[in-house]
Amino acid sequence: MKGHKIAKYTSIVLMIIILAIGFVLIKSTSPQRAAKKQAVKIAKDIGNIKQVDEFYWFTRDQSFFTIVGKDDKNQGKIVIIPEDGKEGIVYDTKDGVHYGEAVQAVLDSNETTHIKNINLGMVDNKPVWEISADGKNHELNYYLVDFKTGKIIEKIIGV
């Protein structure tokens, strides 16, 4: 009987811990969900986006929210929206390189072993892919790849 009570209380404590962890996880992703929701709304308004495929939150000197998707004619579109509320910019996906091509440019540099993260945003009024990767000496490397040309325009090695 005593073992049954211990098991019951242990189950209750575990359930409370699991619920608390779930609550913390939900709250911690709340800003990103809110940003994505607002960015999707803007992308639908200015880019006529009907299908959302990707969302990027790009932060350098300025933050941008980027939606990649398709319009009502099934054409690939990218909408890059400054966090400060200025007008977003719409690009056709065919006018630039796909993230796979940007990743390949970084891998071809032979300075990295593993891609960690990819974002799409703006630097100096130009759309860029930002790619972070593990370097060969286990350091962190950052690359900016020009969206239109697919060429690496900036890199920081060994962060």
N, C-alpha and C. Protein backbone atom coordinates (compact mmCIF):
# COMPACT_ATOMS: atom_id res chain seq x y z
N MET A 1 0.82 -1.21 0.00
CA MET A 1 0.00 0.00 0.00
C MET A 1 0.86 1.26 0.00
N LYS A 2 1.95 1.22 0.79
CA LYS A 2 2.84 2.37 0.86
C LYS A 2 3.52 2.62 -0.49
N GLY A 3 3.92 1.56 -1.19
CA GLY A 3 4.54 1.67 -2.51
C GLY A 3 3.58 2.27 -3.52
N HIS A 4 2.30 1.95 -3.39
CA HIS A 4 1.28 2.49 -4.29
C HIS A 4 1.17 4.01 -4.14
N LYS A 5 1.22 4.50 -2.88
CA LYS A 5 1.13 5.94 -2.63
C LYS A 5 2.36 6.67 -3.20
N ILE A 6 3.53 6.06 -3.03
CA ILE A 6 4.75 6.67 -3.55
C ILE A 6 4.68 6.77 -5.07
N ALA A 7 4.22 5.72 -5.71
CA ALA A 7 4.09 5.72 -7.17
C ALA A 7 3.09 6.78 -7.61
N LYS A 8 2.00 6.93 -6.87
CA LYS A 8 0.98 7.92 -7.21
C LYS A 8 1.54 9.34 -7.11
N TYR A 9 2.24 9.64 -6.00
CA TYR A 9 2.81 10.97 -5.82
C TYR A 9 3.92 11.25 -6.83
N THR A 10 4.72 10.24 -7.13
CA THR A 10 5.77 10.39 -8.13
C THR A 10 5.16 10.71 -9.49
N SER A 11 4.08 10.05 -9.83
CA SER A 11 3.39 10.30 -11.10
C SER A 11 2.86 11.73 -11.15
N ILE A 12 2.31 12.19 -10.07
CA ILE A 12 1.77 13.55 -10.01
C ILE A 12 2.89 14.57 -10.17
N VAL A 13 3.99 14.37 -9.47
CA VAL A 13 5.13 15.29 -9.55
C VAL A 13 5.69 15.30 -10.98
N LEU A 14 5.84 14.14 -11.58
CA LEU A 14 6.33 14.07 -12.96
C LEU A 14 5.39 14.77 -13.92
N MET A 15 4.09 14.62 -13.73
CA MET A 15 3.11 15.28 -14.58
C MET A 15 3.23 16.80 -14.46
N ILE A 16 3.42 17.30 -13.25
CA ILE A 16 3.57 18.74 -13.03
C ILE A 16 4.84 19.24 -13.71
N ILE A 17 5.93 18.50 -13.59
CA ILE A 17 7.18 18.88 -14.22
C ILE A 17 7.03 18.92 -15.74
N ILE A 18 6.41 17.92 -16.32
CA ILE A 18 6.20 17.86 -17.77
C ILE A 18 5.35 19.04 -18.24
N LEU A 19 4.28 19.35 -17.51
CA LEU A 19 3.44 20.49 -17.86
C LEU A 19 4.21 21.81 -17.77
N ALA A 20 5.04 21.95 -16.74
CA ALA A 20 5.83 23.17 -16.58
C ALA A 20 6.82 23.33 -17.73
N ILE A 21 7.48 22.25 -18.11
CA ILE A 21 8.42 22.30 -19.23
C ILE A 21 7.68 22.67 -20.52
N GLY A 22 6.54 22.07 -20.75
CA GLY A 22 5.74 22.39 -21.93
C GLY A 22 5.34 23.86 -21.96
N PHE A 23 4.94 24.39 -20.81
CA PHE A 23 4.56 25.80 -20.73
C PHE A 23 5.73 26.71 -21.07
N VAL A 24 6.92 26.41 -20.54
CA VAL A 24 8.12 27.20 -20.81
C VAL A 24 8.47 27.15 -22.30
N LEU A 25 8.39 25.98 -22.90
CA LEU A 25 8.69 25.85 -24.32
C LEU A 25 7.73 26.65 -25.19
N ILE A 26 6.47 26.61 -24.87
CA ILE A 26 5.47 27.36 -25.63
C ILE A 26 5.73 28.86 -25.50
N LYS A 27 6.00 29.32 -24.29
CA LYS A 27 6.26 30.75 -24.07
C LYS A 27 7.53 31.20 -24.77
N SER A 28 8.55 30.35 -24.81
CA SER A 28 9.82 30.75 -25.40
C SER A 28 9.73 30.88 -26.92
N THR A 29 8.82 30.18 -27.56
CA THR A 29 8.67 30.30 -29.02
C THR A 29 7.61 31.32 -29.41
N SER A 30 6.97 31.91 -28.44
CA SER A 30 5.90 32.86 -28.70
C SER A 30 6.33 34.07 -29.55
N PRO A 31 7.48 34.71 -29.28
CA PRO A 31 7.88 35.85 -30.12
C PRO A 31 8.07 35.46 -31.59
N GLN A 32 8.66 34.30 -31.83
CA GLN A 32 8.87 33.87 -33.22
C GLN A 32 7.54 33.59 -33.90
N ARG A 33 6.63 32.96 -33.21
CA ARG A 33 5.31 32.68 -33.81
C ARG A 33 4.58 33.98 -34.12
N ALA A 34 4.66 34.95 -33.22
CA ALA A 34 4.00 36.24 -33.45
C ALA A 34 4.63 36.96 -34.63
N ALA A 35 5.96 36.94 -34.72
CA ALA A 35 6.65 37.59 -35.83
C ALA A 35 6.28 36.92 -37.15
N LYS A 36 6.25 35.60 -37.15
CA LYS A 36 5.89 34.88 -38.38
C LYS A 36 4.46 35.20 -38.80
N LYS A 37 3.56 35.22 -37.85
CA LYS A 37 2.16 35.51 -38.16
C LYS A 37 2.00 36.89 -38.80
N GLN A 38 2.70 37.89 -38.23
CA GLN A 38 2.63 39.25 -38.77
C GLN A 38 3.29 39.32 -40.14
N ALA A 39 4.43 38.64 -40.30
CA ALA A 39 5.14 38.65 -41.59
C ALA A 39 4.30 37.98 -42.68
N VAL A 40 3.64 36.90 -42.35
CA VAL A 40 2.78 36.22 -43.32
C VAL A 40 1.65 37.14 -43.76
N LYS A 41 1.06 37.85 -42.81
CA LYS A 41 -0.02 38.78 -43.15
C LYS A 41 0.47 39.86 -44.12
N ILE A 42 1.62 40.44 -43.83
CA ILE A 42 2.18 41.47 -44.70
C ILE A 42 2.53 40.89 -46.07
N ALA A 43 3.13 39.70 -46.08
CA ALA A 43 3.51 39.05 -47.35
C ALA A 43 2.29 38.77 -48.21
N LYS A 44 1.19 38.41 -47.59
CA LYS A 44 -0.04 38.19 -48.34
C LYS A 44 -0.55 39.50 -48.94
N ASP A 45 -0.40 40.58 -48.17
CA ASP A 45 -0.88 41.89 -48.64
C ASP A 45 -0.02 42.45 -49.77
N ILE A 46 1.30 42.47 -49.59
CA ILE A 46 2.14 43.16 -50.59
C ILE A 46 2.72 42.22 -51.64
N GLY A 47 2.80 40.93 -51.34
CA GLY A 47 3.39 39.99 -52.30
C GLY A 47 2.40 39.01 -52.89
N ASN A 48 1.14 39.16 -52.47
CA ASN A 48 0.08 38.26 -52.95
C ASN A 48 0.42 36.79 -52.69
N ILE A 49 1.11 36.55 -51.57
CA ILE A 49 1.51 35.19 -51.20
C ILE A 49 0.27 34.39 -50.81
N LYS A 50 0.13 33.23 -51.43
CA LYS A 50 -0.99 32.34 -51.11
C LYS A 50 -0.52 31.09 -50.37
N GLN A 51 0.75 30.71 -50.60
CA GLN A 51 1.30 29.52 -49.96
C GLN A 51 2.65 29.90 -49.34
N VAL A 52 2.81 29.69 -48.05
CA VAL A 52 4.06 30.00 -47.35
C VAL A 52 4.89 28.72 -47.26
N ASP A 53 6.14 28.81 -47.76
CA ASP A 53 7.03 27.65 -47.72
C ASP A 53 8.10 27.79 -46.64
N GLU A 54 8.60 29.00 -46.44
CA GLU A 54 9.68 29.24 -45.48
C GLU A 54 9.49 30.57 -44.78
N PHE A 55 10.00 30.62 -43.54
CA PHE A 55 10.06 31.86 -42.78
C PHE A 55 11.46 32.00 -42.22
N TYR A 56 12.06 33.17 -42.41
CA TYR A 56 13.40 33.45 -41.87
C TYR A 56 13.34 34.71 -41.01
N TRP A 57 14.06 34.68 -39.90
CA TRP A 57 14.22 35.85 -39.04
C TRP A 57 15.71 36.19 -39.08
N PHE A 58 16.04 37.25 -39.80
CA PHE A 58 17.42 37.63 -40.09
C PHE A 58 17.77 38.84 -39.24
N THR A 59 18.87 38.75 -38.49
CA THR A 59 19.28 39.87 -37.65
C THR A 59 20.77 40.14 -37.83
N ARG A 60 21.08 41.31 -38.28
CA ARG A 60 22.46 41.82 -38.35
C ARG A 60 22.38 43.21 -37.72
N ASP A 61 22.72 44.26 -38.47
CA ASP A 61 22.55 45.62 -37.94
C ASP A 61 21.08 45.94 -37.79
N GLN A 62 20.27 45.33 -38.62
CA GLN A 62 18.82 45.52 -38.61
C GLN A 62 18.17 44.14 -38.74
N SER A 63 16.97 43.99 -38.22
CA SER A 63 16.26 42.71 -38.32
C SER A 63 15.27 42.74 -39.46
N PHE A 64 15.13 41.58 -40.11
CA PHE A 64 14.19 41.40 -41.21
C PHE A 64 13.45 40.09 -41.02
N PHE A 65 12.20 40.08 -41.45
CA PHE A 65 11.42 38.85 -41.50
C PHE A 65 11.20 38.54 -42.97
N THR A 66 11.50 37.33 -43.37
CA THR A 66 11.41 36.95 -44.77
C THR A 66 10.46 35.79 -44.94
N ILE A 67 9.55 35.94 -45.89
CA ILE A 67 8.61 34.88 -46.25
C ILE A 67 8.94 34.43 -47.67
N VAL A 68 9.10 33.13 -47.84
CA VAL A 68 9.28 32.55 -49.17
C VAL A 68 8.05 31.70 -49.44
N GLY A 69 7.45 31.89 -50.61
CA GLY A 69 6.24 31.14 -50.93
C GLY A 69 5.84 31.29 -52.38
N LYS A 70 4.57 31.05 -52.63
CA LYS A 70 4.04 31.14 -53.99
C LYS A 70 2.82 32.06 -54.01
N ASP A 71 2.68 32.77 -55.13
CA ASP A 71 1.53 33.65 -55.28
C ASP A 71 0.36 32.89 -55.90
N ASP A 72 -0.70 33.61 -56.25
CA ASP A 72 -1.90 32.97 -56.79
C ASP A 72 -1.68 32.38 -58.19
N LYS A 73 -0.56 32.72 -58.84
CA LYS A 73 -0.23 32.15 -60.15
C LYS A 73 0.82 31.05 -60.01
N ASN A 74 1.06 30.62 -58.76
CA ASN A 74 2.01 29.57 -58.43
C ASN A 74 3.45 29.96 -58.77
N GLN A 75 3.72 31.27 -58.79
CA GLN A 75 5.06 31.79 -59.03
C GLN A 75 5.77 31.97 -57.69
N GLY A 76 7.04 31.58 -57.63
CA GLY A 76 7.81 31.72 -56.41
C GLY A 76 8.08 33.18 -56.08
N LYS A 77 7.80 33.56 -54.85
CA LYS A 77 8.01 34.94 -54.39
C LYS A 77 8.75 34.94 -53.06
N ILE A 78 9.50 36.01 -52.85
CA ILE A 78 10.17 36.26 -51.58
C ILE A 78 9.77 37.66 -51.14
N VAL A 79 9.32 37.76 -49.90
CA VAL A 79 8.97 39.07 -49.35
C VAL A 79 9.86 39.29 -48.13
N ILE A 80 10.68 40.34 -48.19
CA ILE A 80 11.58 40.69 -47.10
C ILE A 80 11.04 41.95 -46.43
N ILE A 81 10.76 41.82 -45.13
CA ILE A 81 10.07 42.88 -44.38
C ILE A 81 10.97 43.38 -43.26
N PRO A 82 11.33 44.66 -43.26
CA PRO A 82 12.11 45.21 -42.15
C PRO A 82 11.30 45.18 -40.86
N GLU A 83 11.95 44.85 -39.76
CA GLU A 83 11.27 44.81 -38.47
C GLU A 83 10.79 46.19 -38.05
N ASP A 84 11.46 47.24 -38.54
CA ASP A 84 11.10 48.60 -38.13
C ASP A 84 9.82 49.12 -38.78
N GLY A 85 9.18 48.30 -39.60
CA GLY A 85 7.90 48.67 -40.17
C GLY A 85 7.96 49.36 -41.51
N LYS A 86 9.16 49.59 -42.05
CA LYS A 86 9.25 50.18 -43.39
C LYS A 86 8.67 49.21 -44.40
N GLU A 87 8.46 49.70 -45.60
CA GLU A 87 7.85 48.90 -46.67
C GLU A 87 8.68 47.66 -46.98
N GLY A 88 8.01 46.53 -47.12
CA GLY A 88 8.68 45.29 -47.50
C GLY A 88 9.03 45.29 -48.98
N ILE A 89 9.93 44.39 -49.35
CA ILE A 89 10.39 44.29 -50.73
C ILE A 89 10.03 42.90 -51.25
N VAL A 90 9.53 42.84 -52.47
CA VAL A 90 9.12 41.58 -53.08
C VAL A 90 10.09 41.22 -54.20
N TYR A 91 10.56 39.98 -54.18
CA TYR A 91 11.44 39.46 -55.23
C TYR A 91 10.81 38.20 -55.82
N ASP A 92 11.08 37.95 -57.09
CA ASP A 92 10.76 36.66 -57.69
C ASP A 92 11.87 35.69 -57.33
N THR A 93 11.54 34.48 -56.96
CA THR A 93 12.58 33.51 -56.60
C THR A 93 13.51 33.24 -57.78
N LYS A 94 12.99 33.34 -58.98
CA LYS A 94 13.83 33.06 -60.17
C LYS A 94 14.90 34.13 -60.40
N ASP A 95 14.79 35.28 -59.71
CA ASP A 95 15.76 36.36 -59.88
C ASP A 95 16.98 36.21 -58.96
N GLY A 96 17.04 35.12 -58.23
CA GLY A 96 18.17 34.89 -57.34
C GLY A 96 18.45 33.42 -57.19
N VAL A 97 19.39 33.10 -56.31
CA VAL A 97 19.78 31.71 -56.11
C VAL A 97 18.97 31.09 -54.98
N HIS A 98 18.67 29.84 -55.14
CA HIS A 98 17.99 29.03 -54.13
C HIS A 98 18.96 28.80 -52.97
N TYR A 99 18.43 28.54 -51.78
CA TYR A 99 19.32 28.36 -50.64
C TYR A 99 20.31 27.22 -50.86
N GLY A 100 19.93 26.21 -51.62
CA GLY A 100 20.84 25.10 -51.90
C GLY A 100 22.07 25.56 -52.66
N GLU A 101 21.90 26.51 -53.57
CA GLU A 101 23.03 27.04 -54.33
C GLU A 101 23.92 27.89 -53.42
N ALA A 102 23.31 28.64 -52.50
CA ALA A 102 24.09 29.44 -51.55
C ALA A 102 24.90 28.52 -50.64
N VAL A 103 24.28 27.46 -50.18
CA VAL A 103 24.98 26.48 -49.33
C VAL A 103 26.14 25.86 -50.10
N GLN A 104 25.91 25.53 -51.36
CA GLN A 104 26.97 24.92 -52.17
C GLN A 104 28.15 25.87 -52.34
N ALA A 105 27.88 27.16 -52.49
CA ALA A 105 28.97 28.14 -52.60
C ALA A 105 29.84 28.12 -51.34
N VAL A 106 29.19 28.01 -50.18
CA VAL A 106 29.93 27.94 -48.92
C VAL A 106 30.71 26.63 -48.83
N LEU A 107 30.08 25.53 -49.16
CA LEU A 107 30.77 24.23 -49.10
C LEU A 107 31.94 24.18 -50.07
N ASP A 108 31.79 24.82 -51.23
CA ASP A 108 32.87 24.84 -52.22
C ASP A 108 34.09 25.63 -51.75
N SER A 109 33.90 26.47 -50.72
CA SER A 109 35.03 27.24 -50.20
C SER A 109 36.01 26.34 -49.45
N ASN A 110 35.60 25.12 -49.14
CA ASN A 110 36.43 24.15 -48.41
C ASN A 110 36.89 24.65 -47.05
N GLU A 111 36.11 25.52 -46.42
CA GLU A 111 36.44 26.04 -45.10
C GLU A 111 35.49 25.51 -44.03
N THR A 112 34.49 24.75 -44.45
CA THR A 112 33.46 24.31 -43.51
C THR A 112 33.28 22.80 -43.56
N THR A 113 32.72 22.28 -42.46
CA THR A 113 32.44 20.85 -42.40
C THR A 113 30.94 20.55 -42.26
N HIS A 114 30.19 21.53 -41.76
CA HIS A 114 28.77 21.30 -41.49
C HIS A 114 28.02 22.63 -41.48
N ILE A 115 26.93 22.71 -42.22
CA ILE A 115 26.08 23.91 -42.22
C ILE A 115 25.20 23.87 -40.98
N LYS A 116 25.17 24.97 -40.24
CA LYS A 116 24.38 25.04 -39.01
C LYS A 116 23.05 25.76 -39.21
N ASN A 117 23.09 26.90 -39.91
CA ASN A 117 21.88 27.72 -40.02
C ASN A 117 21.91 28.54 -41.30
N ILE A 118 20.72 28.79 -41.84
CA ILE A 118 20.58 29.59 -43.05
C ILE A 118 19.47 30.61 -42.82
N ASN A 119 19.72 31.86 -43.22
CA ASN A 119 18.72 32.91 -43.15
C ASN A 119 18.78 33.74 -44.42
N LEU A 120 17.69 34.40 -44.70
CA LEU A 120 17.62 35.29 -45.86
C LEU A 120 17.16 36.65 -45.39
N GLY A 121 17.92 37.69 -45.73
CA GLY A 121 17.56 39.04 -45.30
C GLY A 121 18.27 40.07 -46.16
N MET A 122 18.49 41.25 -45.58
CA MET A 122 19.08 42.35 -46.33
C MET A 122 20.31 42.88 -45.59
N VAL A 123 21.35 43.19 -46.38
CA VAL A 123 22.53 43.89 -45.88
C VAL A 123 22.89 44.93 -46.93
N ASP A 124 23.03 46.17 -46.50
CA ASP A 124 23.34 47.27 -47.42
C ASP A 124 22.36 47.32 -48.59
N ASN A 125 21.09 47.15 -48.29
CA ASN A 125 20.00 47.20 -49.27
C ASN A 125 20.10 46.13 -50.35
N LYS A 126 20.80 45.03 -50.06
CA LYS A 126 20.90 43.92 -50.99
C LYS A 126 20.41 42.65 -50.31
N PRO A 127 19.64 41.83 -51.01
CA PRO A 127 19.22 40.56 -50.41
C PRO A 127 20.41 39.59 -50.35
N VAL A 128 20.57 38.96 -49.20
CA VAL A 128 21.68 38.03 -48.99
C VAL A 128 21.22 36.80 -48.22
N TRP A 129 21.90 35.71 -48.49
CA TRP A 129 21.78 34.52 -47.67
C TRP A 129 22.87 34.60 -46.61
N GLU A 130 22.48 34.43 -45.36
CA GLU A 130 23.45 34.35 -44.27
C GLU A 130 23.55 32.89 -43.86
N ILE A 131 24.76 32.37 -43.89
CA ILE A 131 24.96 30.95 -43.59
C ILE A 131 26.00 30.84 -42.48
N SER A 132 25.65 30.14 -41.42
CA SER A 132 26.64 29.84 -40.39
C SER A 132 27.00 28.37 -40.51
N ALA A 133 28.28 28.08 -40.26
CA ALA A 133 28.77 26.72 -40.46
C ALA A 133 29.91 26.42 -39.50
N ASP A 134 30.09 25.14 -39.22
CA ASP A 134 31.25 24.70 -38.45
C ASP A 134 32.45 24.71 -39.37
N GLY A 135 33.54 25.30 -38.88
CA GLY A 135 34.78 25.30 -39.64
C GLY A 135 35.56 24.02 -39.43
N LYS A 136 36.60 23.85 -40.20
CA LYS A 136 37.41 22.64 -40.12
C LYS A 136 38.12 22.49 -38.78
N ASN A 137 38.36 23.61 -38.09
CA ASN A 137 39.01 23.56 -36.77
C ASN A 137 38.00 23.72 -35.65
N HIS A 138 36.75 23.35 -35.92
CA HIS A 138 35.65 23.38 -34.95
C HIS A 138 35.28 24.78 -34.50
N GLU A 139 35.63 25.79 -35.29
CA GLU A 139 35.22 27.16 -35.01
C GLU A 139 33.93 27.44 -35.78
N LEU A 140 33.32 28.57 -35.48
CA LEU A 140 32.09 28.97 -36.16
C LEU A 140 32.44 29.96 -37.27
N ASN A 141 31.92 29.71 -38.46
CA ASN A 141 32.15 30.59 -39.60
C ASN A 141 30.82 31.18 -40.06
N TYR A 142 30.85 32.45 -40.48
CA TYR A 142 29.67 33.11 -41.03
C TYR A 142 29.95 33.56 -42.45
N TYR A 143 28.97 33.38 -43.32
CA TYR A 143 29.11 33.76 -44.72
C TYR A 143 27.89 34.56 -45.14
N LEU A 144 28.09 35.57 -45.97
CA LEU A 144 27.01 36.25 -46.65
C LEU A 144 27.16 35.92 -48.13
N VAL A 145 26.08 35.39 -48.70
CA VAL A 145 26.07 35.02 -50.11
C VAL A 145 25.06 35.91 -50.82
N ASP A 146 25.50 36.60 -51.86
CA ASP A 146 24.64 37.49 -52.62
C ASP A 146 23.48 36.67 -53.22
N PHE A 147 22.26 37.10 -52.94
CA PHE A 147 21.07 36.40 -53.43
C PHE A 147 21.01 36.38 -54.95
N LYS A 148 21.43 37.46 -55.57
CA LYS A 148 21.29 37.56 -57.03
C LYS A 148 22.38 36.81 -57.79
N THR A 149 23.62 36.78 -57.24
CA THR A 149 24.73 36.17 -57.98
C THR A 149 25.16 34.81 -57.44
N GLY A 150 24.87 34.56 -56.16
CA GLY A 150 25.31 33.31 -55.55
C GLY A 150 26.76 33.32 -55.12
N LYS A 151 27.40 34.48 -55.16
CA LYS A 151 28.80 34.59 -54.78
C LYS A 151 28.92 35.02 -53.31
N ILE A 152 29.93 34.48 -52.63
CA ILE A 152 30.20 34.89 -51.25
C ILE A 152 30.72 36.32 -51.28
N ILE A 153 30.04 37.22 -50.55
CA ILE A 153 30.43 38.62 -50.54
C ILE A 153 31.08 39.03 -49.23
N GLU A 154 30.93 38.19 -48.21
CA GLU A 154 31.56 38.47 -46.92
C GLU A 154 31.67 37.17 -46.16
N LYS A 155 32.78 37.04 -45.40
CA LYS A 155 32.90 35.87 -44.54
C LYS A 155 33.68 36.24 -43.29
N ILE A 156 33.28 35.62 -42.22
CA ILE A 156 33.96 35.77 -40.93
C ILE A 156 34.34 34.36 -40.50
N ILE A 157 35.61 34.11 -40.41
CA ILE A 157 36.11 32.78 -40.11
C ILE A 157 36.61 32.74 -38.66
N GLY A 158 36.24 31.68 -37.97
CA GLY A 158 36.78 31.45 -36.63
C GLY A 158 36.19 32.30 -35.53
N VAL A 159 34.90 32.41 -35.50
CA VAL A 159 34.24 33.18 -34.44
C VAL A 159 34.29 32.39 -33.16
